[in-house]
C-alpha atoms as a PDB file:
ATOM      1  CA  MET A   1     119.505  85.513 126.738  1.00  0.00           C
ATOM      2  CA  SER A   2     122.240  83.004 125.800  1.00  0.00           C
ATOM      3  CA  PHE A   3     125.952  83.358 125.381  1.00  0.00           C
ATOM      4  CA  LEU A   4     125.448  83.511 121.655  1.00  0.00           C
ATOM      5  CA  ASN A   5     123.695  86.510 121.777  1.00  0.00           C
ATOM      6  CA  ILE A   6     126.649  88.192 122.927  1.00  0.00           C
ATOM      7  CA  ALA A   7     129.026  86.407 120.763  1.00  0.00           C
ATOM      8  CA  PHE A   8     127.130  86.759 117.611  1.00  0.00           C
ATOM      9  CA  PRO A   9     125.005  90.087 117.863  1.00  0.00           C
ATOM     10  CA  ALA A  10     124.382  90.159 114.209  1.00  0.00           C
ATOM     11  CA  ALA A  11     122.319  86.680 114.682  1.00  0.00           C
ATOM     12  CA  SER A  12     119.988  88.171 117.012  1.00  0.00           C
ATOM     13  CA  ALA A  13     119.528  91.540 114.873  1.00  0.00           C
ATOM     14  CA  LEU A  14     118.779  89.301 111.697  1.00  0.00           C
ATOM     15  CA  PRO A  15     115.091  88.578 112.689  1.00  0.00           C
ATOM     16  CA  VAL A  16     114.580  92.251 113.155  1.00  0.00           C
ATOM     17  CA  ALA A  17     116.006  93.097 109.984  1.00  0.00           C
ATOM     18  CA  GLN A  18     114.286  90.729 108.292  1.00  0.00           C
ATOM     19  CA  ILE A  19     111.115  92.520 109.117  1.00  0.00           C
ATOM     20  CA  ALA A  20     112.133  95.906 108.597  1.00  0.00           C
ATOM     21  CA  LEU A  21     113.116  94.839 105.095  1.00  0.00           C
ATOM     22  CA  SER A  22     109.674  92.899 104.348  1.00  0.00           C
ATOM     23  CA  THR A  23     108.256  96.061 105.245  1.00  0.00           C
ATOM     24  CA  ILE A  24     109.978  98.324 102.924  1.00  0.00           C
ATOM     25  CA  ALA A  25     109.481  95.866 100.118  1.00  0.00           C
ATOM     26  CA  GLY A  26     105.687  95.304 101.164  1.00  0.00           C
ATOM     27  CA  ALA A  27     105.363  99.302 100.591  1.00  0.00           C
ATOM     28  CA  ALA A  28     107.905  99.651  97.535  1.00  0.00           C
ATOM     29  CA  ARG A  29     106.091  97.138  95.737  1.00  0.00           C
ATOM     30  CA  PRO A  30     102.775  99.393  94.609  1.00  0.00           C
ATOM     31  CA  LEU A  31     105.458 101.903  93.955  1.00  0.00           C
ATOM     32  CA  LEU A  32     107.087 100.241  91.627  1.00  0.00           C
ATOM     33  CA  GLY A  33     104.440  99.300  90.022  1.00  0.00           C
ATOM     34  CA  LEU A  34     103.005 102.210  89.371  1.00  0.00           C
ATOM     35  CA  GLY A  35     106.222 103.290  88.146  1.00  0.00           C
ATOM     36  CA  ILE A  36     106.202 101.062  85.349  1.00  0.00           C
ATOM     37  CA  VAL A  37     102.431 101.737  84.397  1.00  0.00           C
ATOM     38  CA  VAL A  38     103.587 105.490  84.168  1.00  0.00           C
ATOM     39  CA  THR A  39     106.717 104.592  81.918  1.00  0.00           C
ATOM     40  CA  MET A  40     104.507 102.819  79.970  1.00  0.00           C
ATOM     41  CA  LEU A  41     101.963 105.494  79.765  1.00  0.00           C
ATOM     42  CA  VAL A  42     105.118 108.025  78.967  1.00  0.00           C
ATOM     43  CA  VAL A  43     106.665 105.732  76.095  1.00  0.00           C
ATOM     44  CA  PHE A  44     103.385 104.891  74.360  1.00  0.00           C
ATOM     45  CA  LYS A  45     101.710 108.389  74.910  1.00  0.00           C
ATOM     46  CA  PRO A  46     101.795 109.237  71.046  1.00  0.00           C
ATOM     47  CA  LEU A  47     100.336 105.877  70.081  1.00  0.00           C
ATOM     48  CA  ILE A  48      97.434 106.282  72.805  1.00  0.00           C
ATOM     49  CA  VAL A  49      96.594 109.584  71.821  1.00  0.00           C
ATOM     50  CA  GLY A  50      96.205 108.469  68.163  1.00  0.00           C
ATOM     51  CA  MET A  51      93.961 105.568  69.123  1.00  0.00           C
ATOM     52  CA  LEU A  52      91.792 108.286  71.143  1.00  0.00           C
ATOM     53  CA  ARG A  53      91.574 110.536  68.148  1.00  0.00           C
ATOM     54  CA  ALA A  54      90.641 108.026  65.954  1.00  0.00           C
ATOM     55  CA  ALA A  55      88.147 106.725  68.374  1.00  0.00           C
ATOM     56  CA  LEU A  56      86.387 110.318  68.498  1.00  0.00           C
ATOM     57  CA  LEU A  57      86.617 110.846  64.893  1.00  0.00           C
ATOM     58  CA  LEU A  58      84.308 107.664  64.600  1.00  0.00           C
ATOM     59  CA  LEU A  59      81.944 108.707  67.193  1.00  0.00           C
ATOM     60  CA  GLN A  60      81.752 112.486  65.692  1.00  0.00           C
ATOM     61  CA  PRO A  61      83.353 112.767  62.161  1.00  0.00           C
ATOM     62  CA  ARG A  62      84.282 116.282  61.345  1.00  0.00           C
ATOM     63  CA  LEU A  63      81.735 118.710  59.216  1.00  0.00           C
ATOM     64  CA  THR A  64      82.674 119.399  55.528  1.00  0.00           C
ATOM     65  CA  ARG A  65      83.366 122.967  54.128  1.00  0.00           C
ATOM     66  CA  GLU A  66      80.222 123.025  52.623  1.00  0.00           C
ATOM     67  CA  GLN A  67      78.434 122.061  55.894  1.00  0.00           C
ATOM     68  CA  LYS A  68      80.214 124.450  58.122  1.00  0.00           C
ATOM     69  CA  SER A  69      79.137 127.208  55.699  1.00  0.00           C
ATOM     70  CA  ALA A  70      75.415 126.213  55.708  1.00  0.00           C
ATOM     71  CA  LYS A  71      75.693 125.964  59.629  1.00  0.00           C
ATOM     72  CA  ARG A  72      77.138 129.770  59.513  1.00  0.00           C
ATOM     73  CA  ASN A  73      74.786 130.812  56.998  1.00  0.00           C
ATOM     74  CA  LEU A  74      71.667 129.497  58.959  1.00  0.00           C
ATOM     75  CA  ARG A  75      72.910 131.004  62.189  1.00  0.00           C
ATOM     76  CA  ASN A  76      73.590 134.236  60.670  1.00  0.00           C
ATOM     77  CA  ILE A  77      69.893 134.145  59.285  1.00  0.00           C
ATOM     78  CA  LEU A  78      68.400 133.387  62.721  1.00  0.00           C
ATOM     79  CA  ALA A  79      70.479 135.835  64.142  1.00  0.00           C
ATOM     80  CA  ILE A  80      69.098 138.590  61.838  1.00  0.00           C
ATOM     81  CA  ARG A  81      65.356 137.285  62.091  1.00  0.00           C
ATOM     82  CA  ARG A  82      65.999 137.609  65.892  1.00  0.00           C
ATOM     83  CA  VAL A  83      67.011 141.288  65.491  1.00  0.00           C
ATOM     84  CA  ALA A  84      63.791 141.690  63.074  1.00  0.00           C
ATOM     85  CA  ASN A  85      61.994 140.037  65.540  1.00  0.00           C
ATOM     86  CA  ASP A  86      63.140 142.799  68.296  1.00  0.00           C
ATOM     87  CA  LEU A  87      62.655 145.527  65.766  1.00  0.00           C
ATOM     88  CA  ASP A  88      58.801 144.830  65.088  1.00  0.00           C
ATOM     89  CA  SER A  89      57.452 147.055  67.525  1.00  0.00           C
ATOM     90  CA  SER A  90      59.594 150.168  67.114  1.00  0.00           C
ATOM     91  CA  SER A  91      60.663 150.146  63.491  1.00  0.00           C
ATOM     92  CA  PRO A  92      58.413 147.924  61.449  1.00  0.00           C
ATOM     93  CA  SER A  93      60.054 149.248  58.317  1.00  0.00           C
ATOM     94  CA  MET A  94      63.511 148.459  59.052  1.00  0.00           C
ATOM     95  CA  ALA A  95      62.041 144.465  60.767  1.00  0.00           C
ATOM     96  CA  ALA A  96      60.782 143.998  57.187  1.00  0.00           C
ATOM     97  CA  GLU A  97      64.032 144.771  55.369  1.00  0.00           C
ATOM     98  CA  LEU A  98      65.885 142.595  57.598  1.00  0.00           C
ATOM     99  CA  ARG A  99      63.546 139.812  57.166  1.00  0.00           C
ATOM    100  CA  ALA A 100      63.614 140.063  53.207  1.00  0.00           C
ATOM    101  CA  LEU A 101      67.714 140.084  54.029  1.00  0.00           C
ATOM    102  CA  ALA A 102      67.109 136.791  55.510  1.00  0.00           C
ATOM    103  CA  SER A 103      65.084 135.062  53.199  1.00  0.00           C
ATOM    104  CA  ARG A 104      67.709 135.584  50.655  1.00  0.00           C
ATOM    105  CA  GLY A 105      69.941 133.432  52.656  1.00  0.00           C
END
């Protein structure tokens, strides 16, 4: 220990402070980067959401009203036929009526 350490205590504490500051800066750098990424996502959220919706429409276009109606009618016809098949053994006349109703579409 030299007499300069007693005369200038800050000079001996300087390397320790530099190590501490470099450790804090090393830990803060990823947090700063993450903060920047999160800020960019928040700022450009409407643009990102719009681009994702456009990509989804490219992959799976929406059905028209006619297509939706035809799909619903087919589902109803299949349900009526399923009920008719269930009633076939217990009430054949009712099953026949349901099949006739399903055939009309």
